Amino acid sequence: MSATATKATASRGLPVPRGLVWTVLRLHRTALWIWTGFVVLTAALLLWLYGPGAAHTQHLLDAYGYAGVQRDAWTSGITGSTFSGVYNDLFYDPSSLLDLASFGVAVFAAGSLTARELENGTARLAWTQSVTPARWLAARLAVPALLVTAGTGLLVVLYRMLWTAHGNLLLAGIGPRAVYFSIGPATVAAPLLGLAVGAFAGLALRRTLPALAVAGLVQGAVITFRANSWPFQGSHQQPDLSAHSRAITAAGTRIPDPGCELSRPCLARHQIVGFTREYLPSPDYWPRQLLETGVMLAATAILVAAAFGVLRRRATS
């Protein structure tokens, strides 16, 4: 009797999802596992880039300065290729994966989360029970939003940590600036906008395939716009991201890079024993991030309100 009572007490003390939350998690458990796998694998890639993946390029930077970074990036001959294993190229892969995730969230919200249930009638069946249409939609938006925010937020923190530690190992150009000005709270807001886009498309169209197509096109346009338009990450409109490079002499003095490239005799002649290099913070980072985040969150709020408006008309018709 005592053991049973203890077990019941312990069970009551555990935070177990109930009601609509449990229904959403169970109904979309496959999507939940896919999202969890995505977060885990992307986090593992970021941690590898932060740790053992950076070792070789860091060694070349320490030995030759920026010339060593260039040597590492150009050695394979396939820099910039989709299948490049160069550290410089791998550094950008998590950014591409985060864009892909926001696209996937939009498609999921349009199809499996909303349109499919409206198309096959399960939504109306739920509304005839004790669940109101507004509660039904609120649960379907709140649960994924919480999971997406937590997962994306973790990846952004890891990405910023990687940038702070090893952004100096990237080839100079548009790439480092694009990463620097894109990884932040706006990257967390992007999939939330995708969730709202997908939910609105699913409720407005009520057909799975058309909703998938529309949500995919709209979120794809959002991703493209973020990459190419001010005040976001425009390739020709971003402020420069200054790099600070110094050579370290045997006496411990930091001097400008003597330009020895890969010549060891030249390095010995200048008594160079090491190099440092870093990208300097830009004062435009937070204004741009906050503006971009605000625009996307405002668009998200408008679409969510519109989705509830569409649902209200559908439920009363």
Foldseek 3Di string as FASTA:
>chain_A
DVVVVVVVVVVVVDDDDDDLLVVLCVLPVVVVVVLVVLLVVLLVLLVCLQPVVCVQLQVLCFAFNVLSLVCQQPVVVQRPDPPDPGSQVSLCVSVVSLLVLLLVLLLCLQAVLFLVCLQVVVLVVVCVPPDPLVNNVCSSLVNVLVVLLVSLVVSLVSSVVSCQRPVQSHDDALVSLLSLQARDVLSSLSSLLSNLQSLLLSLVVSHNVRSSVRSNVVSVVVVVCQCDDPPHRNSPPGDHFDKDKWFAAPVRDTHRNPPPNPDPVVCVVRRTRTMDMHTDDDPCRVVSSVVSSVVSVVSSVVSNVVSVVSSVVVSVD
